[in-house]
C-alpha atoms as a PDB file:
ATOM      1  CA  UNK A   1     116.287 111.997 141.012  1.00  0.00           C
ATOM      2  CA  UNK A   2     114.694 115.290 139.578  1.00  0.00           C
ATOM      3  CA  UNK A   3     111.404 115.497 137.470  1.00  0.00           C
ATOM      4  CA  UNK A   4     111.361 117.691 134.964  1.00  0.00           C
ATOM      5  CA  UNK A   5     108.245 118.348 132.822  1.00  0.00           C
ATOM      6  CA  UNK A   6     107.577 120.442 129.484  1.00  0.00           C
ATOM      7  CA  UNK A   7     105.581 120.653 126.600  1.00  0.00           C
ATOM      8  CA  UNK A   8     106.530 120.365 123.014  1.00  0.00           C
ATOM      9  CA  UNK A   9     104.287 121.329 120.002  1.00  0.00           C
ATOM     10  CA  UNK A  10     105.507 120.246 116.403  1.00  0.00           C
ATOM     11  CA  UNK A  11     104.603 119.047 112.647  1.00  0.00           C
ATOM     12  CA  UNK A  12     103.837 116.139 110.057  1.00  0.00           C
ATOM     13  CA  UNK A  13     104.191 118.158 107.222  1.00  0.00           C
ATOM     14  CA  UNK A  14     103.835 117.674 103.967  1.00  0.00           C
ATOM     15  CA  UNK A  15     105.312 119.034 100.472  1.00  0.00           C
ATOM     16  CA  UNK A  16     102.782 119.128  97.560  1.00  0.00           C
ATOM     17  CA  UNK A  17     103.401 115.492  96.540  1.00  0.00           C
ATOM     18  CA  UNK A  18     102.692 113.919 100.423  1.00  0.00           C
ATOM     19  CA  UNK A  19     106.111 113.582 100.683  1.00  0.00           C
ATOM     20  CA  UNK A  20     107.015 114.387 104.866  1.00  0.00           C
ATOM     21  CA  UNK A  21     109.277 116.862 106.282  1.00  0.00           C
ATOM     22  CA  UNK A  22     111.477 115.240 108.382  1.00  0.00           C
ATOM     23  CA  UNK A  23     114.289 116.861 110.225  1.00  0.00           C
ATOM     24  CA  UNK A  24     118.270 114.641 110.819  1.00  0.00           C
ATOM     25  CA  UNK A  25     121.345 114.933 112.889  1.00  0.00           C
ATOM     26  CA  UNK A  26     124.179 112.981 114.412  1.00  0.00           C
ATOM     27  CA  UNK A  27     124.783 113.197 117.810  1.00  0.00           C
ATOM     28  CA  UNK A  28     127.067 111.820 120.529  1.00  0.00           C
ATOM     29  CA  UNK A  29     125.056 108.860 122.728  1.00  0.00           C
ATOM     30  CA  UNK A  30     127.214 107.484 125.350  1.00  0.00           C
ATOM     31  CA  UNK A  31     130.140 107.720 123.450  1.00  0.00           C
ATOM     32  CA  UNK A  32     128.528 106.663 120.261  1.00  0.00           C
ATOM     33  CA  UNK A  33     127.893 109.072 117.198  1.00  0.00           C
ATOM     34  CA  UNK A  34     124.463 108.424 116.469  1.00  0.00           C
ATOM     35  CA  UNK A  35     121.916 109.309 113.922  1.00  0.00           C
ATOM     36  CA  UNK A  36     118.360 110.802 114.584  1.00  0.00           C
ATOM     37  CA  UNK A  37     115.713 111.013 112.138  1.00  0.00           C
ATOM     38  CA  UNK A  38     112.747 112.849 114.047  1.00  0.00           C
ATOM     39  CA  UNK A  39     109.960 115.226 113.995  1.00  0.00           C
ATOM     40  CA  UNK A  40     110.761 118.680 113.800  1.00  0.00           C
ATOM     41  CA  UNK A  41     109.196 119.921 117.634  1.00  0.00           C
ATOM     42  CA  UNK A  42     109.715 122.077 120.431  1.00  0.00           C
ATOM     43  CA  UNK A  43     109.315 123.704 124.052  1.00  0.00           C
ATOM     44  CA  UNK A  44     105.441 125.690 124.083  1.00  0.00           C
ATOM     45  CA  UNK A  45     106.761 129.199 124.980  1.00  0.00           C
ATOM     46  CA  UNK A  46     104.651 130.477 127.673  1.00  0.00           C
ATOM     47  CA  UNK A  47     101.653 132.730 126.361  1.00  0.00           C
ATOM     48  CA  UNK A  48     102.085 130.456 123.233  1.00  0.00           C
ATOM     49  CA  UNK A  49      99.403 128.197 122.105  1.00  0.00           C
ATOM     50  CA  UNK A  50     100.705 124.053 121.253  1.00  0.00           C
ATOM     51  CA  UNK A  51      99.416 124.789 118.059  1.00  0.00           C
ATOM     52  CA  UNK A  52     101.002 128.563 117.276  1.00  0.00           C
ATOM     53  CA  UNK A  53     104.461 126.313 119.136  1.00  0.00           C
ATOM     54  CA  UNK A  54     104.046 124.158 116.731  1.00  0.00           C
ATOM     55  CA  UNK A  55     104.134 126.498 113.090  1.00  0.00           C
ATOM     56  CA  UNK A  56     106.809 128.063 115.174  1.00  0.00           C
ATOM     57  CA  UNK A  57     108.969 125.661 115.698  1.00  0.00           C
ATOM     58  CA  UNK A  58     108.592 124.147 112.686  1.00  0.00           C
ATOM     59  CA  UNK A  59     109.964 127.483 110.772  1.00  0.00           C
ATOM     60  CA  UNK A  60     112.540 127.315 112.793  1.00  0.00           C
ATOM     61  CA  UNK A  61     114.009 123.650 112.735  1.00  0.00           C
ATOM     62  CA  UNK A  62     113.645 123.757 109.285  1.00  0.00           C
ATOM     63  CA  UNK A  63     113.822 126.940 107.439  1.00  0.00           C
ATOM     64  CA  UNK A  64     110.261 125.791 105.945  1.00  0.00           C
ATOM     65  CA  UNK A  65     107.890 128.441 107.101  1.00  0.00           C
ATOM     66  CA  UNK A  66     105.004 128.930 104.676  1.00  0.00           C
ATOM     67  CA  UNK A  67     102.802 125.605 106.430  1.00  0.00           C
ATOM     68  CA  UNK A  68      99.170 125.438 107.129  1.00  0.00           C
ATOM     69  CA  UNK A  69      97.502 123.415 109.762  1.00  0.00           C
ATOM     70  CA  UNK A  70      95.022 120.501 107.847  1.00  0.00           C
ATOM     71  CA  UNK A  71      94.651 118.381 111.226  1.00  0.00           C
ATOM     72  CA  UNK A  72      95.206 118.030 115.093  1.00  0.00           C
ATOM     73  CA  UNK A  73      96.896 114.947 115.414  1.00  0.00           C
ATOM     74  CA  UNK A  74      96.752 114.344 119.501  1.00  0.00           C
ATOM     75  CA  UNK A  75      98.602 114.510 121.902  1.00  0.00           C
ATOM     76  CA  UNK A  76     101.563 111.649 124.156  1.00  0.00           C
ATOM     77  CA  UNK A  77     103.753 111.297 126.845  1.00  0.00           C
ATOM     78  CA  UNK A  78     107.359 110.751 126.157  1.00  0.00           C
ATOM     79  CA  UNK A  79     108.799 109.855 129.379  1.00  0.00           C
ATOM     80  CA  UNK A  80     113.617 109.353 129.315  1.00  0.00           C
ATOM     81  CA  UNK A  81     116.264 110.464 131.802  1.00  0.00           C
ATOM     82  CA  UNK A  82     119.121 113.111 130.802  1.00  0.00           C
ATOM     83  CA  UNK A  83     121.437 114.298 132.230  1.00  0.00           C
ATOM     84  CA  UNK A  84     120.688 113.921 136.152  1.00  0.00           C
ATOM     85  CA  UNK A  85     116.527 113.986 135.673  1.00  0.00           C
ATOM     86  CA  UNK A  86     114.013 112.073 134.302  1.00  0.00           C
ATOM     87  CA  UNK A  87     111.794 114.363 131.187  1.00  0.00           C
ATOM     88  CA  UNK A  88     108.387 113.712 131.360  1.00  0.00           C
ATOM     89  CA  UNK A  89     107.404 115.565 127.828  1.00  0.00           C
ATOM     90  CA  UNK A  90     103.786 116.277 126.650  1.00  0.00           C
ATOM     91  CA  UNK A  91     103.814 116.215 122.907  1.00  0.00           C
ATOM     92  CA  UNK A  92     101.121 117.820 120.674  1.00  0.00           C
ATOM     93  CA  UNK A  93     101.487 117.195 117.158  1.00  0.00           C
ATOM     94  CA  UNK A  94      99.798 118.836 114.480  1.00  0.00           C
ATOM     95  CA  UNK A  95      98.796 117.110 110.349  1.00  0.00           C
ATOM     96  CA  UNK A  96     100.624 120.578 108.344  1.00  0.00           C
ATOM     97  CA  UNK A  97     100.635 121.432 104.905  1.00  0.00           C
ATOM     98  CA  UNK A  98     103.626 123.206 102.423  1.00  0.00           C
ATOM     99  CA  UNK A  99     101.726 126.280 101.326  1.00  0.00           C
ATOM    100  CA  UNK A 100     105.723 127.598 100.280  1.00  0.00           C
ATOM    101  CA  UNK A 101     108.029 125.349  99.025  1.00  0.00           C
ATOM    102  CA  UNK A 102     111.186 127.795  99.578  1.00  0.00           C
ATOM    103  CA  UNK A 103     113.481 127.411 102.498  1.00  0.00           C
ATOM    104  CA  UNK A 104     114.873 129.967 104.599  1.00  0.00           C
ATOM    105  CA  UNK A 105     117.546 129.645 107.089  1.00  0.00           C
ATOM    106  CA  UNK A 106     116.478 127.945 110.677  1.00  0.00           C
ATOM    107  CA  UNK A 107     116.673 130.115 113.161  1.00  0.00           C
ATOM    108  CA  UNK A 108     118.456 128.635 116.115  1.00  0.00           C
ATOM    109  CA  UNK A 109     119.121 130.341 119.361  1.00  0.00           C
ATOM    110  CA  UNK A 110     123.178 129.446 119.332  1.00  0.00           C
ATOM    111  CA  UNK A 111     124.964 127.582 116.296  1.00  0.00           C
ATOM    112  CA  UNK A 112     125.758 125.416 118.513  1.00  0.00           C
ATOM    113  CA  UNK A 113     122.933 124.207 119.806  1.00  0.00           C
ATOM    114  CA  UNK A 114     121.899 121.172 119.744  1.00  0.00           C
ATOM    115  CA  UNK A 115     119.427 121.467 117.385  1.00  0.00           C
ATOM    116  CA  UNK A 116     121.234 123.859 114.897  1.00  0.00           C
ATOM    117  CA  UNK A 117     122.709 119.996 114.171  1.00  0.00           C
ATOM    118  CA  UNK A 118     119.398 118.792 112.336  1.00  0.00           C
ATOM    119  CA  UNK A 119     119.653 119.254 108.145  1.00  0.00           C
ATOM    120  CA  UNK A 120     116.128 118.711 106.914  1.00  0.00           C
ATOM    121  CA  UNK A 121     114.818 115.410 104.519  1.00  0.00           C
ATOM    122  CA  UNK A 122     112.299 113.857 103.055  1.00  0.00           C
ATOM    123  CA  UNK A 123     110.590 110.656 103.307  1.00  0.00           C
ATOM    124  CA  UNK A 124     108.739 109.660 100.176  1.00  0.00           C
ATOM    125  CA  UNK A 125     105.845 109.323 102.585  1.00  0.00           C
ATOM    126  CA  UNK A 126     103.583 108.466 105.892  1.00  0.00           C
ATOM    127  CA  UNK A 127     104.556 105.077 105.522  1.00  0.00           C
ATOM    128  CA  UNK A 128     108.154 105.744 105.046  1.00  0.00           C
ATOM    129  CA  UNK A 129     108.487 108.115 107.186  1.00  0.00           C
ATOM    130  CA  UNK A 130     107.440 106.288 110.216  1.00  0.00           C
ATOM    131  CA  UNK A 131     109.867 103.426 109.221  1.00  0.00           C
ATOM    132  CA  UNK A 132     112.910 105.912 109.013  1.00  0.00           C
ATOM    133  CA  UNK A 133     111.916 107.695 112.640  1.00  0.00           C
ATOM    134  CA  UNK A 134     114.400 107.341 115.586  1.00  0.00           C
ATOM    135  CA  UNK A 135     111.516 107.033 118.049  1.00  0.00           C
ATOM    136  CA  UNK A 136     108.447 104.937 118.009  1.00  0.00           C
ATOM    137  CA  UNK A 137     106.266 108.062 119.942  1.00  0.00           C
ATOM    138  CA  UNK A 138     106.941 110.062 116.894  1.00  0.00           C
ATOM    139  CA  UNK A 139     106.437 107.329 114.298  1.00  0.00           C
ATOM    140  CA  UNK A 140     102.860 106.721 116.030  1.00  0.00           C
ATOM    141  CA  UNK A 141     102.411 110.582 115.292  1.00  0.00           C
ATOM    142  CA  UNK A 142     102.906 109.674 111.365  1.00  0.00           C
ATOM    143  CA  UNK A 143     100.495 106.499 111.709  1.00  0.00           C
ATOM    144  CA  UNK A 144      98.401 108.968 113.245  1.00  0.00           C
ATOM    145  CA  UNK A 145      98.880 112.015 110.047  1.00  0.00           C
ATOM    146  CA  UNK A 146      98.290 108.743 107.690  1.00  0.00           C
ATOM    147  CA  UNK A 147      95.084 108.093 109.131  1.00  0.00           C
ATOM    148  CA  UNK A 148      93.973 111.203 109.187  1.00  0.00           C
ATOM    149  CA  UNK A 149      94.277 111.093 105.566  1.00  0.00           C
ATOM    150  CA  UNK A 150      93.417 108.053 104.454  1.00  0.00           C
ATOM    151  CA  UNK A 151      89.737 108.511 106.574  1.00  0.00           C
ATOM    152  CA  UNK A 152      89.777 111.570 104.425  1.00  0.00           C
ATOM    153  CA  UNK A 153      90.129 111.052 101.342  1.00  0.00           C
ATOM    154  CA  UNK A 154      87.124 111.076  99.008  1.00  0.00           C
ATOM    155  CA  UNK A 155      86.381 106.600  99.010  1.00  0.00           C
ATOM    156  CA  UNK A 156      86.960 106.842 102.766  1.00  0.00           C
ATOM    157  CA  UNK A 157      84.185 109.467 102.533  1.00  0.00           C
ATOM    158  CA  UNK A 158      82.148 107.684  99.988  1.00  0.00           C
ATOM    159  CA  UNK A 159      81.985 104.403 102.118  1.00  0.00           C
ATOM    160  CA  UNK A 160      81.639 106.368 105.721  1.00  0.00           C
ATOM    161  CA  UNK A 161      78.308 108.369 103.691  1.00  0.00           C
ATOM    162  CA  UNK A 162      77.083 104.722 102.069  1.00  0.00           C
ATOM    163  CA  UNK A 163      77.154 103.150 105.556  1.00  0.00           C
ATOM    164  CA  UNK A 164      75.405 106.239 107.551  1.00  0.00           C
ATOM    165  CA  UNK A 165      72.600 106.184 104.941  1.00  0.00           C
ATOM    166  CA  UNK A 166      71.409 102.481 105.467  1.00  0.00           C
END
């Protein structure tokens, strides 16, 4: 079996109320209609940084392009078999804040591309997003975003300051 490796980057995107932007589609898997709820992400193009790719992919897949990166959530390796190949995809996610709630049309290479089936879906918060996401690797990054926000909260900063002052 051929091994295919590539890098992908994407975003865990929050709006002003800390709702989380997800994407949802129906696809055929093993001949059965299957609903997938995902984080927006895609290939890192040659000459592009992971962060640039993440911002571009979120914009292309969702139509939400006014984005600010809040934190680097790290990367993970996802492996799966697809069309006679074993795929090894390194996924790098960034926590992002929507800076403009306006949405334009998503950008796809083709209207029949698999990505064109995705529609935006909002989760109430990161915990709900993690419970809705189809794949464990993406659930992990939603929870990393939650950990980051909690560690960055004023209460956590005050506790950390008090502990280091001792």
